[in-house]
Amino acid sequence: MHRIEQGAGFQQKVETRDGVLPIKRSRAEVHMRMMGLLLLVAFLALIALVATSPPRFLYDEPYFANYISLLHRYGVTPTFLNSLPAAPGPLCAFTQVVLEPLTQLQPVRMRFVNVLLLVMVAGMLAVWLRQQNCSDYVVAACSVLVAPMTWALAGMALSEMSAMMFVTLSLYLQLRGLTALERGRRVLGWFLASGISLGIAVWGRQPYLLLSGVPVLLALLERRLRMPALIHVGVVMAFAVPLFIIWKGLVPPSNQWQQGGLLLTHGLISLGYTGICFLLLAPRLRWLPAKVLIGLVVLTAAANASLGTFAVYLVRSVVDRYLPAPAVFAYGKLCGSLFLSCGVAFLVLLLRFIWEGRQDLKLITCNAGLLCVAISPMFVPHRWSTRYAAMSLPYLILSAQPWREWRLKTVMTAVAGCGVGFLSMFEYFSYSR
């Protein structure tokens, strides 16, 4: 008889009289290899899109190109900070100026800076997953392209990627600190460095300031983290407060008319987009009990129908062509209600993850951080963009990782996510030619 034994990784081996021979790879390994090939093709497609993109600034890119001109004119001074024409902070300008000898401030080359930053984000995630003995650390980290909104952030000369790179570094350092805590070692240095990285990120995207609340939550659960959490928050505030004092607000003076108030709908929309990306990374049918899910959908739809707060018109041109005006209005309300329902359901799911994983400080860090970034658009009531939801990317990857299974459906949802991201970028660039 042959004796079957588990080999390295997913591969099995069979012992015969002629020695130990490998047998057919498991389905999980095959699917993981398929995923790796898909992500390689997706990354090459992103590079091709950027390389052939129009040689002029598009959409919001002129705002951030102007950041660089202002920095050259005024230097790092209050005048420069008060002259910024858009809401984000100046970090993206600092990043582009450092690489100006290579980019010469040409639009296509400046877009490649964000591609490089995305590679750095994936690299830091891969390093952490490898330290956690995840055999799929490369494929899992490169899954950043499965979130469709990532393509716009990495393929255009916008402001998010530089801040996201420092947030990823902050997350990595914080998780290393928690690992040191488990081993009985000092953690103060890790949390100090994490706070510095997060403080720098706030100079790029102010909503990341909410992440300073995660160490506070950890300190409530673990007394030994009280001083590290205090130092972490203090360092972040030391970076953020001077900027806000100069601005006399949370955004530059040119955009202060837009700040103030909360808009719950924006937070739920962001949670909806984030939840869909989570599902693309870790597809499952039953994340919540069916009765709970149905109840959330019904309540959300009823609230949206009565208050009339949100409508979404998917494939609007087709709908307008075949449906009468009253039906189009009802269609928008239905799609909006379903989208808000996704946000409510994902909020409940994240709270469940945080509660069930309360004994694991690393899990709490990833899930609570994901929640903080996902709800941050509720503090931006004047406008909404899918880029806001994409800012949670490093937390999204690590939160989904424990739930990922290498099956065919995981590959198919990844194809869908990468496909939507590719088509959106292709449309952006082709429409602007």
Protein backbone atom coordinates (compact mmCIF):
# COMPACT_ATOMS: atom_id res chain seq x y z
CA MET A 1 0.00 0.00 0.00
CA HIS A 2 1.01 3.58 -0.55
CA ARG A 3 1.24 5.94 2.43
CA ILE A 4 0.13 9.53 1.88
CA GLU A 5 1.77 12.29 3.89
CA GLN A 6 1.60 16.06 3.84
CA GLY A 7 4.48 17.73 2.11
CA ALA A 8 5.75 21.28 2.28
CA GLY A 9 3.11 23.91 1.75
CA PHE A 10 0.06 22.57 -0.04
CA GLN A 11 1.82 19.80 -1.93
CA GLN A 12 1.30 16.18 -0.94
CA LYS A 13 3.72 13.28 -1.47
CA VAL A 14 3.27 9.54 -1.89
CA GLU A 15 5.78 7.01 -0.56
CA THR A 16 6.46 4.04 -2.88
CA ARG A 17 9.18 1.43 -3.26
CA ASP A 18 10.94 3.82 -5.62
CA GLY A 19 11.04 6.62 -3.09
CA VAL A 20 8.90 9.65 -2.26
CA LEU A 21 7.21 11.18 -5.26
CA PRO A 22 5.08 14.34 -5.43
CA ILE A 23 1.45 13.87 -6.40
CA LYS A 24 -1.08 16.31 -7.81
CA ARG A 25 -1.08 19.70 -6.11
CA SER A 26 -4.04 20.52 -3.92
CA ARG A 27 -6.75 22.76 -5.25
CA ALA A 28 -5.82 25.45 -2.74
CA GLU A 29 -2.30 25.69 -4.13
CA VAL A 30 -3.57 25.75 -7.70
CA HIS A 31 -5.98 28.56 -6.89
CA MET A 32 -3.30 30.51 -5.07
CA ARG A 33 -1.03 30.22 -8.11
CA MET A 34 -3.89 31.35 -10.33
CA MET A 35 -4.37 34.31 -8.02
CA GLY A 36 -0.69 35.18 -8.21
CA LEU A 37 -0.77 35.10 -12.01
CA LEU A 38 -3.90 37.26 -12.05
CA LEU A 39 -2.33 39.87 -9.79
CA LEU A 40 0.85 39.92 -11.89
CA VAL A 41 -1.23 40.58 -15.01
CA ALA A 42 -3.20 43.25 -13.12
CA PHE A 43 -0.02 45.02 -12.02
CA LEU A 44 1.38 44.96 -15.55
CA ALA A 45 -1.95 46.34 -16.78
CA LEU A 46 -1.72 49.18 -14.26
CA ILE A 47 1.79 50.00 -15.45
CA ALA A 48 0.63 49.94 -19.07
CA LEU A 49 -2.30 52.26 -18.29
CA VAL A 50 -0.06 54.76 -16.54
CA ALA A 51 2.66 54.58 -19.19
CA THR A 52 0.14 55.33 -21.97
CA SER A 53 -1.87 57.88 -19.98
CA PRO A 54 -2.39 61.42 -21.35
CA PRO A 55 0.65 63.68 -20.80
CA ARG A 56 -1.39 66.33 -19.00
CA PHE A 57 -3.00 66.63 -15.60
CA LEU A 58 -6.56 65.27 -15.31
CA TYR A 59 -9.48 65.64 -12.92
CA ASP A 60 -8.12 66.55 -9.45
CA GLU A 61 -4.47 66.28 -10.49
CA PRO A 62 -4.08 70.03 -11.30
CA TYR A 63 -4.81 70.89 -7.66
CA PHE A 64 -1.90 68.80 -6.42
CA ALA A 65 0.40 69.95 -9.22
CA ASN A 66 -0.33 73.45 -7.97
CA TYR A 67 0.76 72.31 -4.47
CA ILE A 68 4.25 71.81 -5.88
CA SER A 69 4.34 75.21 -7.54
CA LEU A 70 3.30 76.85 -4.28
CA LEU A 71 5.95 74.91 -2.37
CA HIS A 72 8.65 76.13 -4.76
CA ARG A 73 7.35 79.69 -4.44
CA TYR A 74 6.91 79.96 -0.66
CA GLY A 75 8.86 77.06 0.84
CA VAL A 76 7.60 75.26 3.93
CA THR A 77 6.01 78.33 5.49
CA PRO A 78 2.60 79.29 6.86
CA THR A 79 2.00 81.18 3.61
CA PHE A 80 2.45 77.96 1.66
CA LEU A 81 0.15 75.99 3.98
CA ASN A 82 -2.54 78.66 3.83
CA SER A 83 -2.35 78.82 0.04
CA LEU A 84 -3.22 75.18 -0.63
CA PRO A 85 -6.14 75.06 -3.09
CA ALA A 86 -7.58 71.70 -2.00
CA ALA A 87 -8.57 70.03 1.28
CA PRO A 88 -5.69 67.50 1.73
CA GLY A 89 -2.48 68.44 3.50
CA PRO A 90 0.88 69.10 1.83
CA LEU A 91 2.51 65.66 2.17
CA CYS A 92 1.97 64.74 -1.48
CA ALA A 93 3.85 67.90 -2.51
CA PHE A 94 6.80 67.00 -0.29
CA THR A 95 6.91 63.52 -1.82
CA GLN A 96 6.82 64.78 -5.40
CA VAL A 97 9.44 67.46 -4.74
CA VAL A 98 11.85 64.86 -3.31
CA LEU A 99 11.49 62.84 -6.52
CA GLU A 100 11.42 65.85 -8.83
CA PRO A 101 14.92 65.12 -10.26
CA LEU A 102 13.48 61.87 -11.63
CA THR A 103 10.00 63.01 -12.62
CA GLN A 104 10.78 66.53 -13.88
CA LEU A 105 7.18 67.18 -12.77
CA GLN A 106 5.86 65.47 -15.90
CA PRO A 107 2.32 64.07 -15.35
CA VAL A 108 3.03 60.48 -16.45
CA ARG A 109 6.18 60.22 -14.35
CA MET A 110 4.41 61.75 -11.36
CA ARG A 111 1.73 59.06 -11.66
CA PHE A 112 4.46 56.43 -11.51
CA VAL A 113 5.45 57.82 -8.10
CA ASN A 114 2.13 56.59 -6.73
CA VAL A 115 2.62 53.21 -8.41
CA LEU A 116 5.93 52.97 -6.55
CA LEU A 117 4.23 53.94 -3.28
CA LEU A 118 1.64 51.19 -3.81
CA VAL A 119 4.48 48.68 -4.24
CA MET A 120 5.94 49.91 -0.95
CA VAL A 121 2.57 49.49 0.78
CA ALA A 122 2.25 45.93 -0.53
CA GLY A 123 5.85 45.24 0.46
CA MET A 124 5.29 46.28 4.08
CA LEU A 125 2.14 44.17 4.26
CA ALA A 126 4.06 41.20 2.84
CA VAL A 127 6.83 41.61 5.43
CA TRP A 128 4.30 41.57 8.27
CA LEU A 129 2.38 38.57 6.90
CA ARG A 130 5.63 36.66 6.43
CA GLN A 131 6.56 37.34 10.04
CA GLN A 132 3.19 35.81 10.97
CA ASN A 133 4.17 32.65 9.07
CA CYS A 134 1.59 33.13 6.33
CA SER A 135 2.67 30.98 3.40
CA ASP A 136 0.63 33.13 1.01
CA TYR A 137 2.15 36.42 2.16
CA VAL A 138 3.15 37.62 -1.33
CA VAL A 139 -0.20 36.93 -2.98
CA ALA A 140 -2.14 38.28 0.01
CA ALA A 141 -0.18 41.53 0.07
CA CYS A 142 -0.45 42.02 -3.69
CA SER A 143 -4.23 41.69 -3.38
CA VAL A 144 -4.31 45.46 -2.89
CA LEU A 145 -5.30 45.61 -6.57
CA VAL A 146 -8.48 43.61 -5.88
CA ALA A 147 -10.02 46.74 -4.33
CA PRO A 148 -11.16 48.65 -7.46
CA MET A 149 -10.61 52.11 -5.92
CA THR A 150 -6.90 51.35 -5.49
CA TRP A 151 -6.34 51.72 -9.22
CA ALA A 152 -7.26 55.41 -9.22
CA LEU A 153 -5.16 56.14 -6.13
CA ALA A 154 -2.09 54.42 -7.59
CA GLY A 155 -2.60 55.31 -11.24
CA MET A 156 -3.10 59.07 -10.94
CA ALA A 157 -1.03 61.89 -9.41
CA LEU A 158 -3.35 62.34 -6.42
CA SER A 159 -2.76 62.89 -2.71
CA GLU A 160 -3.71 59.62 -0.99
CA MET A 161 -0.83 57.24 -1.69
CA SER A 162 1.90 59.16 0.14
CA ALA A 163 -0.27 59.33 3.27
CA MET A 164 -1.26 55.68 2.90
CA MET A 165 2.37 54.62 2.76
CA PHE A 166 3.06 56.27 6.13
CA VAL A 167 -0.16 54.85 7.59
CA THR A 168 0.93 51.36 6.52
CA LEU A 169 4.29 51.94 8.17
CA SER A 170 2.51 53.16 11.32
CA LEU A 171 0.33 50.04 11.35
CA TYR A 172 3.34 47.77 10.86
CA LEU A 173 5.27 49.42 13.72
CA GLN A 174 2.24 49.25 16.01
CA LEU A 175 1.78 45.53 15.29
CA ARG A 176 5.48 44.95 15.95
CA GLY A 177 5.02 46.69 19.27
CA LEU A 178 2.16 44.34 20.16
CA THR A 179 4.35 41.37 19.22
CA ALA A 180 7.05 42.70 21.55
CA LEU A 181 4.44 43.02 24.29
CA GLU A 182 3.50 39.35 23.87
CA ARG A 183 7.17 38.41 24.30
CA GLY A 184 7.60 40.55 27.39
CA ARG A 185 9.83 43.11 25.68
CA ARG A 186 9.73 46.89 25.65
CA VAL A 187 7.10 48.43 23.39
CA LEU A 188 7.58 52.15 23.95
CA GLY A 189 9.91 52.64 20.98
CA TRP A 190 7.56 50.86 18.59
CA PHE A 191 4.59 53.01 19.58
CA LEU A 192 6.70 56.17 19.43
CA ALA A 193 7.81 55.38 15.88
CA SER A 194 4.25 54.41 14.96
CA GLY A 195 3.00 57.75 16.26
CA ILE A 196 5.59 59.66 14.21
CA SER A 197 4.54 57.81 11.05
CA LEU A 198 0.86 58.45 11.70
CA GLY A 199 1.56 62.11 12.44
CA ILE A 200 3.27 62.44 9.05
CA ALA A 201 0.31 60.70 7.39
CA VAL A 202 -2.08 63.24 8.91
CA TRP A 203 -0.16 65.93 7.01
CA GLY A 204 -1.33 64.11 3.87
CA ARG A 205 -4.89 63.08 4.73
CA GLN A 206 -6.38 64.58 7.88
CA PRO A 207 -9.05 61.83 8.43
CA TYR A 208 -6.22 59.48 9.42
CA LEU A 209 -6.22 61.39 12.72
CA LEU A 210 -9.04 59.06 13.85
CA LEU A 211 -6.53 56.20 13.95
CA SER A 212 -4.97 57.72 17.06
CA GLY A 213 -7.98 56.33 18.91
CA VAL A 214 -6.95 52.72 18.25
CA PRO A 215 -4.06 52.69 20.80
CA VAL A 216 -6.45 54.26 23.31
CA LEU A 217 -8.82 51.32 22.83
CA LEU A 218 -5.90 48.90 23.27
CA ALA A 219 -4.87 50.67 26.49
CA LEU A 220 -8.37 50.15 27.89
CA LEU A 221 -7.94 46.41 27.34
CA GLU A 222 -4.29 46.09 28.36
CA ARG A 223 -2.92 48.19 31.22
CA ARG A 224 0.69 47.82 30.07
CA LEU A 225 -0.17 49.84 26.95
CA ARG A 226 -1.33 52.95 28.79
CA MET A 227 1.96 54.82 28.60
CA PRO A 228 2.76 53.71 25.00
CA ALA A 229 -0.75 54.76 23.94
CA LEU A 230 -0.37 58.13 25.65
CA ILE A 231 2.96 58.75 23.90
CA HIS A 232 1.52 57.61 20.56
CA VAL A 233 -1.42 60.02 20.79
CA GLY A 234 0.81 62.83 22.06
CA VAL A 235 3.21 62.48 19.14
CA VAL A 236 0.39 62.43 16.58
CA MET A 237 -1.12 65.56 18.12
CA ALA A 238 2.29 67.23 18.15
CA PHE A 239 2.35 66.83 14.37
CA ALA A 240 -1.29 67.67 13.70
CA VAL A 241 -2.06 70.56 16.05
CA PRO A 242 0.47 73.07 14.62
CA LEU A 243 -0.91 72.43 11.14
CA PHE A 244 -4.48 73.00 12.31
CA ILE A 245 -3.45 76.15 14.22
CA ILE A 246 -1.90 77.60 11.06
CA TRP A 247 -5.02 76.73 9.09
CA LYS A 248 -7.34 77.75 11.94
CA GLY A 249 -9.30 74.63 11.09
CA LEU A 250 -8.96 71.05 9.87
CA VAL A 251 -8.49 72.04 6.22
CA PRO A 252 -6.74 74.91 4.39
CA PRO A 253 -8.55 78.27 4.39
CA SER A 254 -9.63 77.82 0.76
CA ASN A 255 -11.82 74.87 1.78
CA GLN A 256 -12.99 75.85 5.25
CA TRP A 257 -16.42 76.83 3.98
CA GLN A 258 -16.96 73.13 3.31
CA GLN A 259 -16.17 71.81 6.79
CA GLY A 260 -18.44 71.50 9.78
CA GLY A 261 -21.11 69.04 10.81
CA LEU A 262 -21.48 65.30 10.31
CA LEU A 263 -23.18 63.37 7.54
CA LEU A 264 -23.97 59.80 8.59
CA THR A 265 -24.85 58.86 5.02
CA HIS A 266 -21.26 59.39 3.86
CA GLY A 267 -20.00 57.11 6.61
CA LEU A 268 -22.45 54.37 5.61
CA ILE A 269 -21.60 54.73 1.92
CA SER A 270 -17.91 54.37 2.76
CA LEU A 271 -18.67 51.32 4.89
CA GLY A 272 -20.68 49.91 1.98
CA TYR A 273 -17.78 50.30 -0.46
CA THR A 274 -15.34 48.89 2.11
CA GLY A 275 -17.65 45.95 2.81
CA ILE A 276 -17.89 45.14 -0.90
CA CYS A 277 -14.08 45.18 -1.15
CA PHE A 278 -13.90 42.93 1.91
CA LEU A 279 -16.26 40.53 0.15
CA LEU A 280 -14.10 40.59 -2.98
CA LEU A 281 -11.08 39.63 -0.88
CA ALA A 282 -12.83 37.01 1.28
CA PRO A 283 -16.03 35.86 -0.47
CA ARG A 284 -18.51 34.05 1.75
CA LEU A 285 -22.28 33.67 1.67
CA ARG A 286 -23.08 33.91 5.35
CA TRP A 287 -21.12 36.53 7.21
CA LEU A 288 -24.16 37.29 9.36
CA PRO A 289 -27.21 35.16 10.28
CA ALA A 290 -29.84 35.38 7.54
CA LYS A 291 -32.50 36.83 9.84
CA VAL A 292 -30.14 39.54 11.09
CA LEU A 293 -29.10 40.44 7.55
CA ILE A 294 -32.69 40.61 6.27
CA GLY A 295 -33.70 42.73 9.25
CA LEU A 296 -30.86 45.20 8.64
CA VAL A 297 -31.75 45.50 4.96
CA VAL A 298 -35.46 46.05 5.66
CA LEU A 299 -34.85 48.65 8.36
CA THR A 300 -32.27 50.54 6.29
CA ALA A 301 -34.46 50.53 3.18
CA ALA A 302 -37.47 51.75 5.20
CA ALA A 303 -35.43 54.55 6.78
CA ASN A 304 -34.02 55.64 3.41
CA ALA A 305 -37.46 55.53 1.76
CA SER A 306 -39.05 57.65 4.47
CA LEU A 307 -36.21 60.16 4.84
CA GLY A 308 -35.21 60.23 1.20
CA THR A 309 -31.55 60.61 2.04
CA PHE A 310 -29.67 58.65 -0.61
CA ALA A 311 -30.09 57.39 -4.18
CA VAL A 312 -27.68 55.61 -6.53
CA TYR A 313 -28.27 55.22 -10.27
CA LEU A 314 -26.19 52.31 -11.53
CA VAL A 315 -25.88 52.13 -15.35
CA ARG A 316 -27.88 55.36 -15.50
CA SER A 317 -27.82 55.67 -19.29
CA VAL A 318 -29.45 52.26 -19.76
CA VAL A 319 -32.03 52.90 -17.02
CA ASP A 320 -33.03 56.27 -18.49
CA ARG A 321 -33.50 54.67 -21.89
CA TYR A 322 -35.89 51.92 -20.88
CA LEU A 323 -37.71 53.11 -17.72
CA PRO A 324 -40.14 55.99 -17.21
CA ALA A 325 -39.15 58.85 -14.91
CA PRO A 326 -41.08 57.61 -11.81
CA ALA A 327 -39.54 54.16 -12.18
CA VAL A 328 -36.06 55.69 -12.53
CA PHE A 329 -36.59 57.57 -9.27
CA ALA A 330 -37.72 54.38 -7.50
CA TYR A 331 -34.78 52.50 -9.00
CA GLY A 332 -32.34 55.06 -7.59
CA LYS A 333 -33.90 54.79 -4.15
CA LEU A 334 -33.75 50.99 -4.27
CA CYS A 335 -30.06 50.96 -5.27
CA GLY A 336 -29.29 53.58 -2.64
CA SER A 337 -31.07 51.58 0.04
CA LEU A 338 -29.17 48.42 -0.91
CA PHE A 339 -25.89 50.32 -0.78
CA LEU A 340 -26.66 51.79 2.63
CA SER A 341 -27.70 48.30 3.75
CA CYS A 342 -24.25 47.04 2.78
CA GLY A 343 -22.75 49.75 4.97
CA VAL A 344 -24.95 48.94 7.95
CA ALA A 345 -24.30 45.20 7.58
CA PHE A 346 -20.54 45.71 7.36
CA LEU A 347 -20.64 47.99 10.40
CA VAL A 348 -22.36 45.23 12.39
CA LEU A 349 -19.86 42.69 11.07
CA LEU A 350 -16.86 44.81 12.06
CA LEU A 351 -18.26 45.36 15.55
CA ARG A 352 -18.74 41.62 15.80
CA PHE A 353 -15.14 41.01 14.71
CA ILE A 354 -13.86 43.48 17.30
CA TRP A 355 -15.92 41.92 20.08
CA GLU A 356 -15.10 38.31 19.24
CA GLY A 357 -11.39 39.09 18.82
CA ARG A 358 -11.08 41.20 21.95
CA GLN A 359 -8.47 38.81 23.39
CA ASP A 360 -6.17 39.37 20.40
CA LEU A 361 -4.79 42.90 20.39
CA LYS A 362 -3.47 42.56 16.84
CA LEU A 363 -6.89 41.65 15.49
CA ILE A 364 -8.44 44.54 17.38
CA THR A 365 -5.84 46.90 15.89
CA CYS A 366 -6.65 45.83 12.32
CA ASN A 367 -10.44 45.71 12.69
CA ALA A 368 -10.80 48.86 14.80
CA GLY A 369 -8.44 50.72 12.47
CA LEU A 370 -10.50 49.59 9.48
CA LEU A 371 -13.63 50.89 11.19
CA CYS A 372 -12.03 54.25 12.00
CA VAL A 373 -10.91 54.91 8.44
CA ALA A 374 -14.10 53.56 6.87
CA ILE A 375 -16.34 55.91 8.86
CA SER A 376 -14.08 58.95 8.48
CA PRO A 377 -15.95 60.31 5.40
CA MET A 378 -18.87 61.15 7.68
CA PHE A 379 -16.71 64.09 8.82
CA VAL A 380 -16.47 65.31 5.20
CA PRO A 381 -20.07 66.41 4.56
CA HIS A 382 -19.45 68.59 1.51
CA ARG A 383 -18.55 65.83 -0.97
CA TRP A 384 -18.02 62.11 -1.44
CA SER A 385 -15.46 60.10 -3.38
CA THR A 386 -14.69 56.39 -3.56
CA ARG A 387 -11.08 57.38 -2.87
CA TYR A 388 -12.08 58.04 0.74
CA ALA A 389 -13.05 54.39 1.20
CA ALA A 390 -9.80 53.26 -0.42
CA MET A 391 -7.77 54.99 2.29
CA SER A 392 -8.43 51.98 4.56
CA LEU A 393 -6.52 49.65 2.21
CA PRO A 394 -3.74 48.33 4.55
CA TYR A 395 -6.23 47.67 7.34
CA LEU A 396 -8.61 46.06 4.85
CA ILE A 397 -5.99 43.58 3.62
CA LEU A 398 -4.97 42.49 7.13
CA SER A 399 -8.57 42.32 8.42
CA ALA A 400 -9.63 40.09 5.53
CA GLN A 401 -6.55 37.85 5.69
CA PRO A 402 -7.79 35.47 8.46
CA TRP A 403 -10.95 34.82 6.43
CA ARG A 404 -9.42 34.21 3.02
CA GLU A 405 -9.71 30.76 1.49
CA TRP A 406 -7.92 29.80 -1.69
CA ARG A 407 -10.87 28.62 -3.71
CA LEU A 408 -12.10 29.29 -7.22
CA LYS A 409 -14.63 31.83 -5.96
CA THR A 410 -11.78 33.84 -4.39
CA VAL A 411 -10.07 33.99 -7.77
CA MET A 412 -13.33 34.95 -9.51
CA THR A 413 -14.09 37.80 -7.12
CA ALA A 414 -10.51 38.99 -7.55
CA VAL A 415 -11.03 38.98 -11.33
CA ALA A 416 -14.14 41.11 -10.80
CA GLY A 417 -12.36 43.59 -8.53
CA CYS A 418 -9.32 43.97 -10.76
CA GLY A 419 -11.56 44.17 -13.83
CA VAL A 420 -13.63 47.02 -12.42
CA GLY A 421 -10.49 48.85 -11.34
CA PHE A 422 -8.91 48.44 -14.78
CA LEU A 423 -12.04 49.57 -16.63
CA SER A 424 -12.46 52.62 -14.42
CA MET A 425 -8.88 53.73 -15.06
CA PHE A 426 -9.16 52.96 -18.77
CA GLU A 427 -12.30 55.09 -18.93
CA TYR A 428 -10.63 57.96 -17.05
CA PHE A 429 -7.69 58.07 -19.41
CA SER A 430 -9.47 57.29 -22.70
CA TYR A 431 -12.20 59.87 -22.03
CA SER A 432 -9.53 62.52 -21.49
CA ARG A 433 -7.54 61.89 -24.66
